[in-house]
């Protein structure tokens, strides 16, 4: 089994009722609603989970590999 991590970006939607005075909608979106990067965890190219940081994704990957190695050793 191959476990990989990959980044993906989400562009948050603007549901603001008002935009600050003197600010264009484009400027508001650029400054207040910046894209968010998450880190996906995949096993054999199947999505398993995601985290909010690369560090957490790497820790999760290491844990999964260790857990799977223990499971396979017991078979």
PDB file of N, CA and C in Angstrom:
ATOM      1  N   UNK A   1       0.837  -1.182   0.000  1.00  0.00           N
ATOM      2  CA  UNK A   1       0.000   0.000   0.000  1.00  0.00           C
ATOM      3  C   UNK A   1       0.882   1.246   0.000  1.00  0.00           C
ATOM      4  N   UNK A   2       0.471   2.209  -0.787  1.00  0.00           N
ATOM      5  CA  UNK A   2       1.212   3.455  -0.883  1.00  0.00           C
ATOM      6  C   UNK A   2       0.399   4.578  -0.258  1.00  0.00           C
ATOM      7  N   UNK A   3       1.024   5.288   0.675  1.00  0.00           N
ATOM      8  CA  UNK A   3       0.355   6.414   1.316  1.00  0.00           C
ATOM      9  C   UNK A   3       1.062   7.683   0.847  1.00  0.00           C
ATOM     10  N   UNK A   4       0.283   8.635   0.356  1.00  0.00           N
ATOM     11  CA  UNK A   4       0.839   9.894  -0.134  1.00  0.00           C
ATOM     12  C   UNK A   4       0.079  11.064   0.483  1.00  0.00           C
ATOM     13  N   UNK A   5       0.742  12.220   0.471  1.00  0.00           N
ATOM     14  CA  UNK A   5       0.079  13.459   0.891  1.00  0.00           C
ATOM     15  C   UNK A   5       0.203  14.464  -0.248  1.00  0.00           C
ATOM     16  N   UNK A   6      -0.870  15.201  -0.480  1.00  0.00           N
ATOM     17  CA  UNK A   6      -0.864  16.212  -1.540  1.00  0.00           C
ATOM     18  C   UNK A   6      -1.631  17.442  -1.077  1.00  0.00           C
ATOM     19  N   UNK A   7      -1.145  18.623  -1.458  1.00  0.00           N
ATOM     20  CA  UNK A   7      -1.861  19.847  -1.090  1.00  0.00           C
ATOM     21  C   UNK A   7      -3.037  20.096  -2.032  1.00  0.00           C
ATOM     22  N   UNK A   8      -4.078  20.700  -1.505  1.00  0.00           N
ATOM     23  CA  UNK A   8      -5.165  21.198  -2.355  1.00  0.00           C
ATOM     24  C   UNK A   8      -5.658  22.505  -1.760  1.00  0.00           C
ATOM     25  N   UNK A   9      -6.092  23.386  -2.626  1.00  0.00           N
ATOM     26  CA  UNK A   9      -6.467  24.740  -2.214  1.00  0.00           C
ATOM     27  C   UNK A   9      -7.959  24.945  -2.379  1.00  0.00           C
ATOM     28  N   UNK A  10      -8.549  25.608  -1.400  1.00  0.00           N
ATOM     29  CA  UNK A  10      -9.972  25.933  -1.415  1.00  0.00           C
ATOM     30  C   UNK A  10     -10.106  27.450  -1.428  1.00  0.00           C
ATOM     31  N   UNK A  11     -10.886  27.965  -2.350  1.00  0.00           N
ATOM     32  CA  UNK A  11     -11.177  29.398  -2.379  1.00  0.00           C
ATOM     33  C   UNK A  11     -12.465  29.634  -1.605  1.00  0.00           C
ATOM     34  N   UNK A  12     -12.379  30.268  -0.439  1.00  0.00           N
ATOM     35  CA  UNK A  12     -13.592  30.498   0.345  1.00  0.00           C
ATOM     36  C   UNK A  12     -14.547  31.451  -0.375  1.00  0.00           C
ATOM     37  N   UNK A  13     -15.836  31.193  -0.203  1.00  0.00           N
ATOM     38  CA  UNK A  13     -16.842  32.067  -0.793  1.00  0.00           C
ATOM     39  C   UNK A  13     -17.045  33.283   0.090  1.00  0.00           C
ATOM     40  N   UNK A  14     -17.433  34.362  -0.531  1.00  0.00           N
ATOM     41  CA  UNK A  14     -17.714  35.582   0.219  1.00  0.00           C
ATOM     42  C   UNK A  14     -19.212  35.656   0.480  1.00  0.00           C
ATOM     43  N   UNK A  15     -19.588  35.517   1.734  1.00  0.00           N
ATOM     44  CA  UNK A  15     -20.990  35.641   2.134  1.00  0.00           C
ATOM     45  C   UNK A  15     -21.194  36.896   2.974  1.00  0.00           C
ATOM     46  N   UNK A  16     -20.274  37.835   2.832  1.00  0.00           N
ATOM     47  CA  UNK A  16     -20.350  39.078   3.602  1.00  0.00           C
ATOM     48  C   UNK A  16     -21.574  39.889   3.163  1.00  0.00           C
ATOM     49  N   UNK A  17     -22.288  40.410   4.112  1.00  0.00           N
ATOM     50  CA  UNK A  17     -23.468  41.202   3.800  1.00  0.00           C
ATOM     51  C   UNK A  17     -23.086  42.585   3.272  1.00  0.00           C
ATOM     52  N   UNK A  18     -21.976  43.122   3.766  1.00  0.00           N
ATOM     53  CA  UNK A  18     -21.495  44.428   3.287  1.00  0.00           C
ATOM     54  C   UNK A  18     -19.993  44.364   3.085  1.00  0.00           C
ATOM     55  N   UNK A  19     -19.525  45.173   2.183  1.00  0.00           N
ATOM     56  CA  UNK A  19     -18.092  45.293   1.936  1.00  0.00           C
ATOM     57  C   UNK A  19     -17.653  46.605   2.564  1.00  0.00           C
ATOM     58  N   UNK A  20     -16.517  46.620   3.275  1.00  0.00           N
ATOM     59  CA  UNK A  20     -16.072  47.857   3.926  1.00  0.00           C
ATOM     60  C   UNK A  20     -16.032  49.039   2.953  1.00  0.00           C
ATOM     61  N   UNK A  21     -16.463  50.170   3.436  1.00  0.00           N
ATOM     62  CA  UNK A  21     -16.507  51.373   2.605  1.00  0.00           C
ATOM     63  C   UNK A  21     -15.113  51.722   2.094  1.00  0.00           C
ATOM     64  N   UNK A  22     -15.037  52.098   0.816  1.00  0.00           N
ATOM     65  CA  UNK A  22     -13.768  52.452   0.202  1.00  0.00           C
ATOM     66  C   UNK A  22     -12.970  51.258  -0.276  1.00  0.00           C
ATOM     67  N   UNK A  23     -13.584  50.106  -0.253  1.00  0.00           N
ATOM     68  CA  UNK A  23     -12.903  48.866  -0.650  1.00  0.00           C
ATOM     69  C   UNK A  23     -13.677  48.239  -1.811  1.00  0.00           C
ATOM     70  N   UNK A  24     -12.994  47.934  -2.908  1.00  0.00           N
ATOM     71  CA  UNK A  24     -13.679  47.288  -4.028  1.00  0.00           C
ATOM     72  C   UNK A  24     -13.925  45.824  -3.677  1.00  0.00           C
ATOM     73  N   UNK A  25     -14.862  45.195  -4.365  1.00  0.00           N
ATOM     74  CA  UNK A  25     -15.172  43.792  -4.095  1.00  0.00           C
ATOM     75  C   UNK A  25     -13.947  42.920  -4.355  1.00  0.00           C
ATOM     76  N   UNK A  26     -13.195  43.208  -5.426  1.00  0.00           N
ATOM     77  CA  UNK A  26     -12.003  42.421  -5.742  1.00  0.00           C
ATOM     78  C   UNK A  26     -10.953  42.543  -4.635  1.00  0.00           C
ATOM     79  N   UNK A  27     -10.763  43.780  -4.153  1.00  0.00           N
ATOM     80  CA  UNK A  27      -9.805  44.017  -3.085  1.00  0.00           C
ATOM     81  C   UNK A  27     -10.258  43.305  -1.802  1.00  0.00           C
ATOM     82  N   UNK A  28     -11.544  43.375  -1.515  1.00  0.00           N
ATOM     83  CA  UNK A  28     -12.106  42.702  -0.339  1.00  0.00           C
ATOM     84  C   UNK A  28     -11.854  41.202  -0.409  1.00  0.00           C
ATOM     85  N   UNK A  29     -12.129  40.599  -1.559  1.00  0.00           N
ATOM     86  CA  UNK A  29     -11.919  39.158  -1.711  1.00  0.00           C
ATOM     87  C   UNK A  29     -10.439  38.804  -1.571  1.00  0.00           C
ATOM     88  N   UNK A  30      -9.579  39.600  -2.157  1.00  0.00           N
ATOM     89  CA  UNK A  30      -8.136  39.338  -2.133  1.00  0.00           C
ATOM     90  C   UNK A  30      -7.584  39.441  -0.700  1.00  0.00           C
ATOM     91  N   UNK A  31      -8.051  40.416   0.060  1.00  0.00           N
ATOM     92  CA  UNK A  31      -7.510  40.661   1.401  1.00  0.00           C
ATOM     93  C   UNK A  31      -8.202  39.853   2.499  1.00  0.00           C
ATOM     94  N   UNK A  32      -9.496  39.639   2.378  1.00  0.00           N
ATOM     95  CA  UNK A  32     -10.264  39.025   3.467  1.00  0.00           C
ATOM     96  C   UNK A  32     -10.556  37.547   3.263  1.00  0.00           C
ATOM     97  N   UNK A  33     -10.489  37.104   2.033  1.00  0.00           N
ATOM     98  CA  UNK A  33     -10.872  35.714   1.746  1.00  0.00           C
ATOM     99  C   UNK A  33      -9.781  35.027   0.930  1.00  0.00           C
ATOM    100  N   UNK A  34      -8.613  34.910   1.535  1.00  0.00           N
ATOM    101  CA  UNK A  34      -7.480  34.299   0.853  1.00  0.00           C
ATOM    102  C   UNK A  34      -7.697  32.791   0.737  1.00  0.00           C
ATOM    103  N   UNK A  35      -7.178  32.193  -0.341  1.00  0.00           N
ATOM    104  CA  UNK A  35      -7.302  30.732  -0.498  1.00  0.00           C
ATOM    105  C   UNK A  35      -6.678  30.004   0.699  1.00  0.00           C
ATOM    106  N   UNK A  36      -7.243  28.861   1.018  1.00  0.00           N
ATOM    107  CA  UNK A  36      -6.784  28.047   2.142  1.00  0.00           C
ATOM    108  C   UNK A  36      -6.207  26.752   1.580  1.00  0.00           C
ATOM    109  N   UNK A  37      -5.017  26.379   2.039  1.00  0.00           N
ATOM    110  CA  UNK A  37      -4.399  25.129   1.586  1.00  0.00           C
ATOM    111  C   UNK A  37      -4.568  24.064   2.653  1.00  0.00           C
ATOM    112  N   UNK A  38      -5.085  22.919   2.245  1.00  0.00           N
ATOM    113  CA  UNK A  38      -5.200  21.733   3.095  1.00  0.00           C
ATOM    114  C   UNK A  38      -4.289  20.660   2.517  1.00  0.00           C
ATOM    115  N   UNK A  39      -4.013  19.643   3.305  1.00  0.00           N
ATOM    116  CA  UNK A  39      -3.148  18.548   2.876  1.00  0.00           C
ATOM    117  C   UNK A  39      -3.930  17.250   2.920  1.00  0.00           C
ATOM    118  N   UNK A  40      -4.128  16.651   1.742  1.00  0.00           N
ATOM    119  CA  UNK A  40      -4.878  15.404   1.634  1.00  0.00           C
ATOM    120  C   UNK A  40      -3.984  14.204   1.870  1.00  0.00           C
ATOM    121  N   UNK A  41      -4.542  13.192   2.495  1.00  0.00           N
ATOM    122  CA  UNK A  41      -3.839  11.937   2.747  1.00  0.00           C
ATOM    123  C   UNK A  41      -4.547  10.859   1.931  1.00  0.00           C
ATOM    124  N   UNK A  42      -3.773  10.160   1.118  1.00  0.00           N
ATOM    125  CA  UNK A  42      -4.324   9.173   0.193  1.00  0.00           C
ATOM    126  C   UNK A  42      -3.644   7.826   0.418  1.00  0.00           C
ATOM    127  N   UNK A  43      -4.423   6.753   0.290  1.00  0.00           N
ATOM    128  CA  UNK A  43      -3.878   5.410   0.354  1.00  0.00           C
ATOM    129  C   UNK A  43      -4.227   4.729  -0.964  1.00  0.00           C
ATOM    130  N   UNK A  44      -3.194   4.325  -1.703  1.00  0.00           N
ATOM    131  CA  UNK A  44      -3.388   3.727  -3.028  1.00  0.00           C
ATOM    132  C   UNK A  44      -4.298   4.600  -3.888  1.00  0.00           C
ATOM    133  N   UNK A  45      -4.013   5.895  -3.895  1.00  0.00           N
ATOM    134  CA  UNK A  45      -4.743   6.894  -4.689  1.00  0.00           C
ATOM    135  C   UNK A  45      -6.204   7.069  -4.278  1.00  0.00           C
ATOM    136  N   UNK A  46      -6.593   6.576  -3.109  1.00  0.00           N
ATOM    137  CA  UNK A  46      -7.940   6.801  -2.577  1.00  0.00           C
ATOM    138  C   UNK A  46      -7.840   7.798  -1.435  1.00  0.00           C
ATOM    139  N   UNK A  47      -8.683   8.825  -1.485  1.00  0.00           N
ATOM    140  CA  UNK A  47      -8.687   9.852  -0.453  1.00  0.00           C
ATOM    141  C   UNK A  47      -9.092   9.239   0.882  1.00  0.00           C
ATOM    142  N   UNK A  48      -8.289   9.505   1.907  1.00  0.00           N
ATOM    143  CA  UNK A  48      -8.564   8.975   3.253  1.00  0.00           C
ATOM    144  C   UNK A  48      -8.972  10.092   4.207  1.00  0.00           C
ATOM    145  N   UNK A  49      -8.174  11.164   4.227  1.00  0.00           N
ATOM    146  CA  UNK A  49      -8.396  12.223   5.196  1.00  0.00           C
ATOM    147  C   UNK A  49      -7.670  13.480   4.739  1.00  0.00           C
ATOM    148  N   UNK A  50      -7.801  14.552   5.519  1.00  0.00           N
ATOM    149  CA  UNK A  50      -7.032  15.766   5.249  1.00  0.00           C
ATOM    150  C   UNK A  50      -6.715  16.466   6.559  1.00  0.00           C
ATOM    151  N   UNK A  51      -5.661  17.298   6.498  1.00  0.00           N
ATOM    152  CA  UNK A  51      -5.266  18.084   7.666  1.00  0.00           C
ATOM    153  C   UNK A  51      -5.063  19.533   7.240  1.00  0.00           C
ATOM    154  N   UNK A  52      -4.873  20.389   8.212  1.00  0.00           N
ATOM    155  CA  UNK A  52      -4.700  21.804   7.919  1.00  0.00           C
ATOM    156  C   UNK A  52      -3.238  22.198   7.747  1.00  0.00           C
ATOM    157  N   UNK A  53      -2.313  21.265   7.970  1.00  0.00           N
ATOM    158  CA  UNK A  53      -0.899  21.603   7.791  1.00  0.00           C
ATOM    159  C   UNK A  53      -0.133  20.415   7.227  1.00  0.00           C
ATOM    160  N   UNK A  54       0.947  20.720   6.543  1.00  0.00           N
ATOM    161  CA  UNK A  54       1.794  19.667   5.977  1.00  0.00           C
ATOM    162  C   UNK A  54       2.406  18.828   7.101  1.00  0.00           C
ATOM    163  N   UNK A  55       2.796  19.485   8.188  1.00  0.00           N
ATOM    164  CA  UNK A  55       3.398  18.769   9.314  1.00  0.00           C
ATOM    165  C   UNK A  55       2.435  17.706   9.875  1.00  0.00           C
ATOM    166  N   UNK A  56       1.182  18.074  10.070  1.00  0.00           N
ATOM    167  CA  UNK A  56       0.195  17.109  10.567  1.00  0.00           C
ATOM    168  C   UNK A  56      -0.028  15.980   9.564  1.00  0.00           C
ATOM    169  N   UNK A  57      -0.034  16.307   8.282  1.00  0.00           N
ATOM    170  CA  UNK A  57      -0.214  15.281   7.253  1.00  0.00           C
ATOM    171  C   UNK A  57       0.946  14.292   7.282  1.00  0.00           C
ATOM    172  N   UNK A  58       2.168  14.797   7.436  1.00  0.00           N
ATOM    173  CA  UNK A  58       3.331  13.916   7.494  1.00  0.00           C
ATOM    174  C   UNK A  58       3.303  13.036   8.737  1.00  0.00           C
ATOM    175  N   UNK A  59       2.870  13.586   9.871  1.00  0.00           N
ATOM    176  CA  UNK A  59       2.749  12.786  11.100  1.00  0.00           C
ATOM    177  C   UNK A  59       1.681  11.707  10.933  1.00  0.00           C
ATOM    178  N   UNK A  60       0.560  12.068  10.316  1.00  0.00           N
ATOM    179  CA  UNK A  60      -0.515  11.098  10.084  1.00  0.00           C
ATOM    180  C   UNK A  60      -0.044   9.993   9.143  1.00  0.00           C
ATOM    181  N   UNK A  61       0.668  10.369   8.102  1.00  0.00           N
ATOM    182  CA  UNK A  61       1.205   9.393   7.153  1.00  0.00           C
ATOM    183  C   UNK A  61       2.139   8.426   7.866  1.00  0.00           C
ATOM    184  N   UNK A  62       3.058   8.944   8.673  1.00  0.00           N
ATOM    185  CA  UNK A  62       4.002   8.101   9.413  1.00  0.00           C
ATOM    186  C   UNK A  62       3.258   7.153  10.351  1.00  0.00           C
ATOM    187  N   UNK A  63       2.227   7.665  11.035  1.00  0.00           N
ATOM    188  CA  UNK A  63       1.441   6.829  11.947  1.00  0.00           C
ATOM    189  C   UNK A  63       0.741   5.720  11.173  1.00  0.00           C
ATOM    190  N   UNK A  64       0.133   6.069  10.031  1.00  0.00           N
ATOM    191  CA  UNK A  64      -0.575   5.068   9.222  1.00  0.00           C
ATOM    192  C   UNK A  64       0.378   3.989   8.722  1.00  0.00           C
ATOM    193  N   UNK A  65       1.566   4.386   8.270  1.00  0.00           N
ATOM    194  CA  UNK A  65       2.543   3.407   7.781  1.00  0.00           C
ATOM    195  C   UNK A  65       2.971   2.466   8.905  1.00  0.00           C
ATOM    196  N   UNK A  66       3.206   3.019  10.094  1.00  0.00           N
ATOM    197  CA  UNK A  66       3.592   2.196  11.242  1.00  0.00           C
ATOM    198  C   UNK A  66       2.452   1.251  11.634  1.00  0.00           C
ATOM    199  N   UNK A  67       1.226   1.763  11.648  1.00  0.00           N
ATOM    200  CA  UNK A  67       0.067   0.953  12.015  1.00  0.00           C
ATOM    201  C   UNK A  67      -0.143  -0.164  11.002  1.00  0.00           C
ATOM    202  N   UNK A  68      -0.054   0.170   9.728  1.00  0.00           N
ATOM    203  CA  UNK A  68      -0.231  -0.850   8.696  1.00  0.00           C
ATOM    204  C   UNK A  68       0.858  -1.903   8.743  1.00  0.00           C
ATOM    205  N   UNK A  69       2.091  -1.495   9.015  1.00  0.00           N
ATOM    206  CA  UNK A  69       3.202  -2.461   9.122  1.00  0.00           C
ATOM    207  C   UNK A  69       2.928  -3.439  10.256  1.00  0.00           C
ATOM    208  N   UNK A  70       2.422  -2.944  11.374  1.00  0.00           N
ATOM    209  CA  UNK A  70       2.071  -3.824  12.491  1.00  0.00           C
ATOM    210  C   UNK A  70       0.947  -4.773  12.154  1.00  0.00           C
ATOM    211  N   UNK A  71      -0.053  -4.292  11.416  1.00  0.00           N
ATOM    212  CA  UNK A  71      -1.177  -5.138  11.004  1.00  0.00           C
ATOM    213  C   UNK A  71      -0.714  -6.234  10.049  1.00  0.00           C
ATOM    214  N   UNK A  72       0.158  -5.874   9.107  1.00  0.00           N
ATOM    215  CA  UNK A  72       0.625  -6.857   8.128  1.00  0.00           C
ATOM    216  C   UNK A  72       1.533  -7.885   8.764  1.00  0.00           C
ATOM    217  N   UNK A  73       2.316  -7.476   9.793  1.00  0.00           N
ATOM    218  CA  UNK A  73       3.198  -8.412  10.483  1.00  0.00           C
ATOM    219  C   UNK A  73       2.406  -9.476  11.228  1.00  0.00           C
ATOM    220  N   UNK A  74       1.208  -9.133  11.686  1.00  0.00           N
ATOM    221  CA  UNK A  74       0.388 -10.067  12.472  1.00  0.00           C
ATOM    222  C   UNK A  74      -0.364 -11.059  11.610  1.00  0.00           C
ATOM    223  N   UNK A  75      -0.368 -10.861  10.291  1.00  0.00           N
ATOM    224  CA  UNK A  75      -1.115 -11.784   9.417  1.00  0.00           C
ATOM    225  C   UNK A  75      -0.311 -13.015   9.102  1.00  0.00           C
TER     226      UNK A  75
END
